[in-house]
Amino acid sequence: MNQTGWLRKLFIALAFAVPVLLLAISALVRKHQFINNQGQAAIRLDLTRSNFAKLKYEPVTDTPEFKARVEGIVIKGTEFLSPLQESALKAGVYDMIMAFHMGTYEAYRNFRTPIQAEFNERAIAYHRKVLTNFYVPPDQKLPDSAESITKLIWEKDYGGNAFADYWKGVCITNVQIEVEQTNRMPSALFNFATNMDNMGVREIMPTFRFARSPEAILRDSGRLLYATSTLDIKPLEPDPAFPVFMRYYWDEASAKWLPWEMSSGNSQVRKRDPMF
């Protein structure tokens, strides 16, 4: 074989081999980057979990003293509020805390439905599925009404009595409440939460909706007044401390702050989630 023929064969062999080699190297680099990113994510998660654990949590109690601590929280954006709206917003935050501390269905409804509300059929279907798969014997018929289903899931979820003393403490000094007024729909609460310290964000499906929705109020009045709160919660063990993100909107017709959206800042392994 002359030298030219040999070089041609070598060139052809290299033309096939080099791309394969480059693909193999690229795969190894991507695998290394994936492992490295996973390791960095685990480190960040551990640091975030540790930071929440180090906060000072005030024990939640059904007392005038604890209520006064919540009423003393400074709200950002008070220029948009009347004294009535400001005190009503703090009362709404207090009612949410009490719902997941006292754990009664009545306390939950006091927080969740300050006015008459409609059931979210998608949530009711999900609650039925959970009850059927985990809590109700196969030979037991579920109640027909959405009200009964909601009360039953509240009382039976997570093995029963899940929300009694669930929120043990709140970092009062870290509570953030911001009020904003807008002429267009704001970005979803989930998007807000992902930009805050968290251990993975989980959007919580609403069990209720109100006839006067934020979209309807904005359409009819041309503006929407809403509030976003962030609370760092110390739950019942074994769950770690985590942030809860809550959004309300102002309904002028009822003169109430209505619960709008809720997200949990812990999507890791946990025993409980708030119900919304």
C-alpha atoms as a PDB file:
ATOM      1  CA  MET A   1       0.000   0.000   0.000  1.00  0.00           C
ATOM      2  CA  ASN A   2       1.442   3.407  -0.940  1.00  0.00           C
ATOM      3  CA  GLN A   3       1.660   6.171   1.614  1.00  0.00           C
ATOM      4  CA  THR A   4      -1.242   8.138   0.085  1.00  0.00           C
ATOM      5  CA  GLY A   5      -3.636   5.170   0.423  1.00  0.00           C
ATOM      6  CA  TRP A   6      -2.602   4.542   3.980  1.00  0.00           C
ATOM      7  CA  LEU A   7      -3.129   8.173   4.944  1.00  0.00           C
ATOM      8  CA  ARG A   8      -6.558   8.168   3.283  1.00  0.00           C
ATOM      9  CA  LYS A   9      -7.647   5.143   5.328  1.00  0.00           C
ATOM     10  CA  LEU A  10      -6.310   6.730   8.501  1.00  0.00           C
ATOM     11  CA  PHE A  11      -8.233   9.911   7.753  1.00  0.00           C
ATOM     12  CA  ILE A  12     -11.473   7.980   7.184  1.00  0.00           C
ATOM     13  CA  ALA A  13     -10.986   6.033  10.426  1.00  0.00           C
ATOM     14  CA  LEU A  14     -10.368   9.224  12.347  1.00  0.00           C
ATOM     15  CA  ALA A  15     -13.407  10.868  10.755  1.00  0.00           C
ATOM     16  CA  PHE A  16     -15.598   8.142  12.309  1.00  0.00           C
ATOM     17  CA  ALA A  17     -13.705   7.826  15.587  1.00  0.00           C
ATOM     18  CA  VAL A  18     -13.341  11.468  16.570  1.00  0.00           C
ATOM     19  CA  PRO A  19     -17.108  12.290  16.753  1.00  0.00           C
ATOM     20  CA  VAL A  20     -17.701   9.142  18.823  1.00  0.00           C
ATOM     21  CA  LEU A  21     -14.858  10.121  21.129  1.00  0.00           C
ATOM     22  CA  LEU A  22     -16.181  13.677  21.435  1.00  0.00           C
ATOM     23  CA  LEU A  23     -19.672  12.384  22.265  1.00  0.00           C
ATOM     24  CA  ALA A  24     -18.228  10.135  24.964  1.00  0.00           C
ATOM     25  CA  ILE A  25     -16.223  13.001  26.439  1.00  0.00           C
ATOM     26  CA  SER A  26     -19.299  15.285  26.313  1.00  0.00           C
ATOM     27  CA  ALA A  27     -21.404  12.658  28.111  1.00  0.00           C
ATOM     28  CA  LEU A  28     -18.765  12.303  30.823  1.00  0.00           C
ATOM     29  CA  VAL A  29     -18.607  16.097  31.258  1.00  0.00           C
ATOM     30  CA  ARG A  30     -22.410  16.344  31.515  1.00  0.00           C
ATOM     31  CA  LYS A  31     -22.492  13.509  34.044  1.00  0.00           C
ATOM     32  CA  HIS A  32     -19.806  15.220  36.109  1.00  0.00           C
ATOM     33  CA  GLN A  33     -21.706  18.522  35.954  1.00  0.00           C
ATOM     34  CA  PHE A  34     -24.952  16.792  36.963  1.00  0.00           C
ATOM     35  CA  ILE A  35     -23.304  15.128  39.963  1.00  0.00           C
ATOM     36  CA  ASN A  36     -21.629  18.393  40.892  1.00  0.00           C
ATOM     37  CA  ASN A  37     -24.912  20.326  40.611  1.00  0.00           C
ATOM     38  CA  GLN A  38     -26.684  17.692  42.698  1.00  0.00           C
ATOM     39  CA  GLY A  39     -24.039  18.018  45.372  1.00  0.00           C
ATOM     40  CA  GLN A  40     -24.259  21.802  45.371  1.00  0.00           C
ATOM     41  CA  ALA A  41     -28.080  21.656  45.572  1.00  0.00           C
ATOM     42  CA  ALA A  42     -27.866  19.302  48.570  1.00  0.00           C
ATOM     43  CA  ILE A  43     -25.430  21.671  50.288  1.00  0.00           C
ATOM     44  CA  ARG A  44     -27.720  24.666  49.651  1.00  0.00           C
ATOM     45  CA  LEU A  45     -30.734  22.720  50.941  1.00  0.00           C
ATOM     46  CA  ASP A  46     -28.915  21.724  54.134  1.00  0.00           C
ATOM     47  CA  LEU A  47     -27.821  25.343  54.667  1.00  0.00           C
ATOM     48  CA  THR A  48     -31.350  26.661  54.116  1.00  0.00           C
ATOM     49  CA  ARG A  49     -32.817  24.054  56.475  1.00  0.00           C
ATOM     50  CA  SER A  50     -30.202  24.973  59.079  1.00  0.00           C
ATOM     51  CA  ASN A  51     -30.938  28.694  58.730  1.00  0.00           C
ATOM     52  CA  PHE A  52     -34.662  28.140  59.329  1.00  0.00           C
ATOM     53  CA  ALA A  53     -33.901  25.923  62.327  1.00  0.00           C
ATOM     54  CA  LYS A  54     -31.744  28.656  63.927  1.00  0.00           C
ATOM     55  CA  LEU A  55     -34.493  31.290  63.929  1.00  0.00           C
ATOM     56  CA  LYS A  56     -36.175  32.299  67.178  1.00  0.00           C
ATOM     57  CA  TYR A  57     -39.725  30.944  67.204  1.00  0.00           C
ATOM     58  CA  GLU A  58     -42.365  32.306  69.524  1.00  0.00           C
ATOM     59  CA  PRO A  59     -44.698  29.570  70.824  1.00  0.00           C
ATOM     60  CA  VAL A  60     -48.176  29.807  69.336  1.00  0.00           C
ATOM     61  CA  THR A  61     -50.797  30.152  72.048  1.00  0.00           C
ATOM     62  CA  ASP A  62     -54.460  31.054  72.062  1.00  0.00           C
ATOM     63  CA  THR A  63     -53.848  34.008  74.361  1.00  0.00           C
ATOM     64  CA  PRO A  64     -54.244  37.812  74.237  1.00  0.00           C
ATOM     65  CA  GLU A  65     -50.462  38.124  74.540  1.00  0.00           C
ATOM     66  CA  PHE A  66     -49.748  36.141  71.373  1.00  0.00           C
ATOM     67  CA  LYS A  67     -52.537  37.921  69.491  1.00  0.00           C
ATOM     68  CA  ALA A  68     -50.998  41.249  70.498  1.00  0.00           C
ATOM     69  CA  ARG A  69     -47.651  40.100  69.061  1.00  0.00           C
ATOM     70  CA  VAL A  70     -49.319  39.422  65.711  1.00  0.00           C
ATOM     71  CA  GLU A  71     -51.148  42.753  65.848  1.00  0.00           C
ATOM     72  CA  GLY A  72     -47.785  44.440  66.392  1.00  0.00           C
ATOM     73  CA  ILE A  73     -46.362  43.213  63.064  1.00  0.00           C
ATOM     74  CA  VAL A  74     -45.335  46.101  60.807  1.00  0.00           C
ATOM     75  CA  ILE A  75     -46.987  46.021  57.384  1.00  0.00           C
ATOM     76  CA  LYS A  76     -45.232  47.393  54.322  1.00  0.00           C
ATOM     77  CA  GLY A  77     -47.488  49.460  52.078  1.00  0.00           C
ATOM     78  CA  THR A  78     -49.812  50.878  54.738  1.00  0.00           C
ATOM     79  CA  GLU A  79     -50.283  53.988  52.580  1.00  0.00           C
ATOM     80  CA  PHE A  80     -52.829  51.900  50.649  1.00  0.00           C
ATOM     81  CA  LEU A  81     -54.753  50.938  53.791  1.00  0.00           C
ATOM     82  CA  SER A  82     -57.335  52.419  56.092  1.00  0.00           C
ATOM     83  CA  PRO A  83     -57.006  51.581  59.813  1.00  0.00           C
ATOM     84  CA  LEU A  84     -59.869  49.087  59.363  1.00  0.00           C
ATOM     85  CA  GLN A  85     -58.091  47.320  56.478  1.00  0.00           C
ATOM     86  CA  GLU A  86     -54.814  47.150  58.391  1.00  0.00           C
ATOM     87  CA  SER A  87     -56.372  45.618  61.511  1.00  0.00           C
ATOM     88  CA  ALA A  88     -58.470  43.232  59.393  1.00  0.00           C
ATOM     89  CA  LEU A  89     -55.366  42.008  57.535  1.00  0.00           C
ATOM     90  CA  LYS A  90     -53.538  41.244  60.769  1.00  0.00           C
ATOM     91  CA  ALA A  91     -56.664  39.462  62.031  1.00  0.00           C
ATOM     92  CA  GLY A  92     -56.622  37.306  58.888  1.00  0.00           C
ATOM     93  CA  VAL A  93     -52.997  36.323  59.479  1.00  0.00           C
ATOM     94  CA  TYR A  94     -53.810  35.521  63.112  1.00  0.00           C
ATOM     95  CA  ASP A  95     -56.781  33.373  62.077  1.00  0.00           C
ATOM     96  CA  MET A  96     -54.532  31.377  59.720  1.00  0.00           C
ATOM     97  CA  ILE A  97     -52.028  30.705  62.492  1.00  0.00           C
ATOM     98  CA  MET A  98     -54.796  29.637  64.857  1.00  0.00           C
ATOM     99  CA  ALA A  99     -56.327  27.308  62.275  1.00  0.00           C
ATOM    100  CA  PHE A 100     -53.151  25.218  62.108  1.00  0.00           C
ATOM    101  CA  HIS A 101     -52.524  25.450  65.831  1.00  0.00           C
ATOM    102  CA  MET A 102     -55.963  24.733  67.283  1.00  0.00           C
ATOM    103  CA  GLY A 103     -56.657  22.203  64.549  1.00  0.00           C
ATOM    104  CA  THR A 104     -60.453  22.347  64.667  1.00  0.00           C
ATOM    105  CA  TYR A 105     -62.525  22.431  61.496  1.00  0.00           C
ATOM    106  CA  GLU A 106     -64.291  25.514  62.831  1.00  0.00           C
ATOM    107  CA  ALA A 107     -60.955  27.351  63.198  1.00  0.00           C
ATOM    108  CA  TYR A 108     -60.023  26.314  59.657  1.00  0.00           C
ATOM    109  CA  ARG A 109     -63.289  27.640  58.207  1.00  0.00           C
ATOM    110  CA  ASN A 110     -62.918  30.851  60.228  1.00  0.00           C
ATOM    111  CA  PHE A 111     -59.587  31.433  58.478  1.00  0.00           C
ATOM    112  CA  ARG A 112     -60.473  30.060  55.074  1.00  0.00           C
ATOM    113  CA  THR A 113     -63.986  31.379  54.480  1.00  0.00           C
ATOM    114  CA  PRO A 114     -64.543  34.754  56.173  1.00  0.00           C
ATOM    115  CA  ILE A 115     -67.541  35.117  53.824  1.00  0.00           C
ATOM    116  CA  GLN A 116     -69.684  32.599  51.958  1.00  0.00           C
ATOM    117  CA  ALA A 117     -67.594  30.620  49.478  1.00  0.00           C
ATOM    118  CA  GLU A 118     -67.986  28.076  46.713  1.00  0.00           C
ATOM    119  CA  PHE A 119     -66.291  24.682  46.778  1.00  0.00           C
ATOM    120  CA  ASN A 120     -63.568  24.013  44.219  1.00  0.00           C
ATOM    121  CA  GLU A 121     -64.828  20.810  42.597  1.00  0.00           C
ATOM    122  CA  ARG A 122     -61.311  19.794  41.530  1.00  0.00           C
ATOM    123  CA  ALA A 123     -60.158  19.928  45.141  1.00  0.00           C
ATOM    124  CA  ILE A 124     -63.224  18.026  46.363  1.00  0.00           C
ATOM    125  CA  ALA A 125     -62.511  15.270  43.806  1.00  0.00           C
ATOM    126  CA  TYR A 126     -58.926  15.089  45.080  1.00  0.00           C
ATOM    127  CA  HIS A 127     -60.090  14.922  48.715  1.00  0.00           C
ATOM    128  CA  ARG A 128     -62.457  12.071  47.790  1.00  0.00           C
ATOM    129  CA  LYS A 129     -59.584  10.193  46.169  1.00  0.00           C
ATOM    130  CA  VAL A 130     -57.362  10.601  49.243  1.00  0.00           C
ATOM    131  CA  LEU A 131     -60.145   9.487  51.584  1.00  0.00           C
ATOM    132  CA  THR A 132     -60.917   6.435  49.435  1.00  0.00           C
ATOM    133  CA  ASN A 133     -57.281   5.385  49.015  1.00  0.00           C
ATOM    134  CA  PHE A 134     -56.061   5.936  52.566  1.00  0.00           C
ATOM    135  CA  TYR A 135     -58.690   6.561  55.219  1.00  0.00           C
ATOM    136  CA  VAL A 136     -62.102   5.100  54.479  1.00  0.00           C
ATOM    137  CA  PRO A 137     -62.731   1.311  54.386  1.00  0.00           C
ATOM    138  CA  PRO A 138     -63.822  -0.014  50.981  1.00  0.00           C
ATOM    139  CA  ASP A 139     -67.254  -0.936  52.306  1.00  0.00           C
ATOM    140  CA  GLN A 140     -67.891   2.563  53.709  1.00  0.00           C
ATOM    141  CA  LYS A 141     -69.719   5.024  51.469  1.00  0.00           C
ATOM    142  CA  LEU A 142     -68.364   8.559  51.351  1.00  0.00           C
ATOM    143  CA  PRO A 143     -70.810  11.396  52.071  1.00  0.00           C
ATOM    144  CA  ASP A 144     -72.301  13.153  49.072  1.00  0.00           C
ATOM    145  CA  SER A 145     -71.931  16.801  50.074  1.00  0.00           C
ATOM    146  CA  ALA A 146     -68.746  18.793  49.446  1.00  0.00           C
ATOM    147  CA  GLU A 147     -69.038  20.246  52.955  1.00  0.00           C
ATOM    148  CA  SER A 148     -68.979  16.788  54.525  1.00  0.00           C
ATOM    149  CA  ILE A 149     -66.035  15.714  52.355  1.00  0.00           C
ATOM    150  CA  THR A 150     -64.041  18.801  53.341  1.00  0.00           C
ATOM    151  CA  LYS A 151     -64.728  18.292  57.040  1.00  0.00           C
ATOM    152  CA  LEU A 152     -63.861  14.607  56.775  1.00  0.00           C
ATOM    153  CA  ILE A 153     -60.509  15.177  55.036  1.00  0.00           C
ATOM    154  CA  TRP A 154     -59.605  17.845  57.596  1.00  0.00           C
ATOM    155  CA  GLU A 155     -60.342  15.449  60.450  1.00  0.00           C
ATOM    156  CA  LYS A 156     -58.784  12.294  58.924  1.00  0.00           C
ATOM    157  CA  ASP A 157     -55.848  13.547  56.830  1.00  0.00           C
ATOM    158  CA  TYR A 158     -52.348  12.452  57.868  1.00  0.00           C
ATOM    159  CA  GLY A 159     -53.767   9.800  60.162  1.00  0.00           C
ATOM    160  CA  GLY A 160     -56.277  12.040  61.934  1.00  0.00           C
ATOM    161  CA  ASN A 161     -55.892  15.069  64.206  1.00  0.00           C
ATOM    162  CA  ALA A 162     -53.123  16.245  61.899  1.00  0.00           C
ATOM    163  CA  PHE A 163     -53.608  19.953  62.373  1.00  0.00           C
ATOM    164  CA  ALA A 164     -54.013  20.051  66.169  1.00  0.00           C
ATOM    165  CA  ASP A 165     -50.874  21.782  67.466  1.00  0.00           C
ATOM    166  CA  TYR A 166     -49.373  21.473  63.965  1.00  0.00           C
ATOM    167  CA  TRP A 167     -47.888  24.987  64.005  1.00  0.00           C
ATOM    168  CA  LYS A 168     -45.942  25.092  67.254  1.00  0.00           C
ATOM    169  CA  GLY A 169     -44.145  28.383  66.723  1.00  0.00           C
ATOM    170  CA  VAL A 170     -43.851  31.437  64.485  1.00  0.00           C
ATOM    171  CA  CYS A 171     -40.813  33.646  63.994  1.00  0.00           C
ATOM    172  CA  ILE A 172     -42.658  36.891  64.671  1.00  0.00           C
ATOM    173  CA  THR A 173     -39.613  39.057  63.991  1.00  0.00           C
ATOM    174  CA  ASN A 174     -39.325  37.579  60.478  1.00  0.00           C
ATOM    175  CA  VAL A 175     -42.973  37.908  59.445  1.00  0.00           C
ATOM    176  CA  GLN A 176     -43.301  39.932  56.256  1.00  0.00           C
ATOM    177  CA  ILE A 177     -46.595  41.406  55.058  1.00  0.00           C
ATOM    178  CA  GLU A 178     -46.624  43.645  52.005  1.00  0.00           C
ATOM    179  CA  VAL A 179     -49.669  45.369  50.538  1.00  0.00           C
ATOM    180  CA  GLU A 180     -49.757  46.407  46.897  1.00  0.00           C
ATOM    181  CA  GLN A 181     -52.293  48.023  44.604  1.00  0.00           C
ATOM    182  CA  THR A 182     -52.304  47.190  40.916  1.00  0.00           C
ATOM    183  CA  ASN A 183     -54.261  47.744  37.708  1.00  0.00           C
ATOM    184  CA  ARG A 184     -53.356  44.317  36.319  1.00  0.00           C
ATOM    185  CA  MET A 185     -53.153  40.789  37.652  1.00  0.00           C
ATOM    186  CA  PRO A 186     -49.967  40.189  39.647  1.00  0.00           C
ATOM    187  CA  SER A 187     -47.633  37.264  39.060  1.00  0.00           C
ATOM    188  CA  ALA A 188     -48.710  34.068  40.828  1.00  0.00           C
ATOM    189  CA  LEU A 189     -47.749  33.620  44.468  1.00  0.00           C
ATOM    190  CA  PHE A 190     -45.821  30.478  43.496  1.00  0.00           C
ATOM    191  CA  ASN A 191     -43.453  32.622  41.411  1.00  0.00           C
ATOM    192  CA  PHE A 192     -42.958  34.996  44.340  1.00  0.00           C
ATOM    193  CA  ALA A 193     -42.217  32.092  46.677  1.00  0.00           C
ATOM    194  CA  THR A 194     -39.598  30.541  44.398  1.00  0.00           C
ATOM    195  CA  ASN A 195     -37.561  33.752  44.691  1.00  0.00           C
ATOM    196  CA  MET A 196     -37.598  33.628  48.494  1.00  0.00           C
ATOM    197  CA  ASP A 197     -35.643  31.337  50.838  1.00  0.00           C
ATOM    198  CA  ASN A 198     -37.292  27.932  50.632  1.00  0.00           C
ATOM    199  CA  MET A 199     -36.701  24.179  50.634  1.00  0.00           C
ATOM    200  CA  GLY A 200     -38.669  23.661  47.456  1.00  0.00           C
ATOM    201  CA  VAL A 201     -42.017  25.336  46.823  1.00  0.00           C
ATOM    202  CA  ARG A 202     -45.305  23.468  46.699  1.00  0.00           C
ATOM    203  CA  GLU A 203     -48.481  25.218  45.571  1.00  0.00           C
ATOM    204  CA  ILE A 204     -51.462  24.195  47.692  1.00  0.00           C
ATOM    205  CA  MET A 205     -54.724  23.570  45.881  1.00  0.00           C
ATOM    206  CA  PRO A 206     -57.567  25.812  47.091  1.00  0.00           C
ATOM    207  CA  THR A 207     -60.581  23.993  48.474  1.00  0.00           C
ATOM    208  CA  PHE A 208     -62.730  27.138  48.220  1.00  0.00           C
ATOM    209  CA  ARG A 209     -63.289  30.005  45.799  1.00  0.00           C
ATOM    210  CA  PHE A 210     -65.212  33.236  46.203  1.00  0.00           C
ATOM    211  CA  ALA A 211     -67.865  34.608  43.855  1.00  0.00           C
ATOM    212  CA  ARG A 212     -66.052  37.954  43.660  1.00  0.00           C
ATOM    213  CA  SER A 213     -62.707  36.772  42.366  1.00  0.00           C
ATOM    214  CA  PRO A 214     -59.615  38.992  42.011  1.00  0.00           C
ATOM    215  CA  GLU A 215     -60.150  38.948  38.246  1.00  0.00           C
ATOM    216  CA  ALA A 216     -63.758  40.140  38.652  1.00  0.00           C
ATOM    217  CA  ILE A 217     -62.799  42.924  41.083  1.00  0.00           C
ATOM    218  CA  LEU A 218     -60.036  44.118  38.766  1.00  0.00           C
ATOM    219  CA  ARG A 219     -62.398  44.053  35.771  1.00  0.00           C
ATOM    220  CA  ASP A 220     -65.156  45.949  37.569  1.00  0.00           C
ATOM    221  CA  SER A 221     -63.112  48.527  39.482  1.00  0.00           C
ATOM    222  CA  GLY A 222     -59.926  48.802  37.435  1.00  0.00           C
ATOM    223  CA  ARG A 223     -57.711  48.120  40.442  1.00  0.00           C
ATOM    224  CA  LEU A 224     -56.896  45.356  42.901  1.00  0.00           C
ATOM    225  CA  LEU A 225     -55.619  45.657  46.447  1.00  0.00           C
ATOM    226  CA  TYR A 226     -53.779  42.571  47.640  1.00  0.00           C
ATOM    227  CA  ALA A 227     -51.410  41.485  50.414  1.00  0.00           C
ATOM    228  CA  THR A 228     -48.614  38.915  50.428  1.00  0.00           C
ATOM    229  CA  SER A 229     -47.394  37.426  53.696  1.00  0.00           C
ATOM    230  CA  THR A 230     -44.394  35.257  54.496  1.00  0.00           C
ATOM    231  CA  LEU A 231     -44.290  33.378  57.806  1.00  0.00           C
ATOM    232  CA  ASP A 232     -41.498  31.136  59.062  1.00  0.00           C
ATOM    233  CA  ILE A 233     -43.192  28.278  60.915  1.00  0.00           C
ATOM    234  CA  LYS A 234     -41.906  25.740  63.410  1.00  0.00           C
ATOM    235  CA  PRO A 235     -44.216  22.737  62.953  1.00  0.00           C
ATOM    236  CA  LEU A 236     -44.789  19.666  65.040  1.00  0.00           C
ATOM    237  CA  GLU A 237     -41.864  17.239  64.782  1.00  0.00           C
ATOM    238  CA  PRO A 238     -40.539  15.501  62.769  1.00  0.00           C
ATOM    239  CA  ASP A 239     -41.149  18.174  60.119  1.00  0.00           C
ATOM    240  CA  PRO A 240     -38.482  20.895  59.867  1.00  0.00           C
ATOM    241  CA  ALA A 241     -39.101  24.632  60.187  1.00  0.00           C
ATOM    242  CA  PHE A 242     -40.274  26.056  56.868  1.00  0.00           C
ATOM    243  CA  PRO A 243     -41.771  29.193  55.290  1.00  0.00           C
ATOM    244  CA  VAL A 244     -45.439  29.589  54.394  1.00  0.00           C
ATOM    245  CA  PHE A 245     -46.507  32.061  51.719  1.00  0.00           C
ATOM    246  CA  MET A 246     -50.025  33.428  51.746  1.00  0.00           C
ATOM    247  CA  ARG A 247     -51.841  35.956  49.580  1.00  0.00           C
ATOM    248  CA  TYR A 248     -55.103  37.802  50.294  1.00  0.00           C
ATOM    249  CA  TYR A 249     -57.165  40.256  48.251  1.00  0.00           C
ATOM    250  CA  TRP A 250     -59.472  42.993  49.481  1.00  0.00           C
ATOM    251  CA  ASP A 251     -63.184  42.638  48.755  1.00  0.00           C
ATOM    252  CA  GLU A 252     -64.807  46.036  49.208  1.00  0.00           C
ATOM    253  CA  ALA A 253     -68.343  44.619  49.094  1.00  0.00           C
ATOM    254  CA  SER A 254     -67.804  42.525  52.220  1.00  0.00           C
ATOM    255  CA  ALA A 255     -65.041  44.702  53.707  1.00  0.00           C
ATOM    256  CA  LYS A 256     -62.923  41.541  54.118  1.00  0.00           C
ATOM    257  CA  TRP A 257     -59.513  40.229  53.146  1.00  0.00           C
ATOM    258  CA  LEU A 258     -60.202  36.991  51.286  1.00  0.00           C
ATOM    259  CA  PRO A 259     -57.610  34.172  51.186  1.00  0.00           C
ATOM    260  CA  TRP A 260     -56.446  33.871  47.578  1.00  0.00           C
ATOM    261  CA  GLU A 261     -53.319  31.700  47.188  1.00  0.00           C
ATOM    262  CA  MET A 262     -51.137  29.585  49.479  1.00  0.00           C
ATOM    263  CA  SER A 263     -47.758  27.927  48.936  1.00  0.00           C
ATOM    264  CA  SER A 264     -45.555  25.862  51.228  1.00  0.00           C
ATOM    265  CA  GLY A 265     -41.805  26.436  51.220  1.00  0.00           C
ATOM    266  CA  ASN A 266     -41.021  22.778  51.944  1.00  0.00           C
ATOM    267  CA  SER A 267     -41.420  20.227  49.166  1.00  0.00           C
ATOM    268  CA  GLN A 268     -38.959  17.791  50.768  1.00  0.00           C
ATOM    269  CA  VAL A 269     -39.898  14.655  52.718  1.00  0.00           C
ATOM    270  CA  ARG A 270     -42.421  15.740  55.339  1.00  0.00           C
ATOM    271  CA  LYS A 271     -45.290  14.353  57.393  1.00  0.00           C
ATOM    272  CA  ARG A 272     -47.840  17.124  56.829  1.00  0.00           C
ATOM    273  CA  ASP A 273     -48.797  20.003  54.546  1.00  0.00           C
ATOM    274  CA  PRO A 274     -51.174  22.858  55.313  1.00  0.00           C
ATOM    275  CA  MET A 275     -54.636  22.535  53.801  1.00  0.00           C
ATOM    276  CA  PHE A 276     -56.029  25.429  51.800  1.00  0.00           C
END
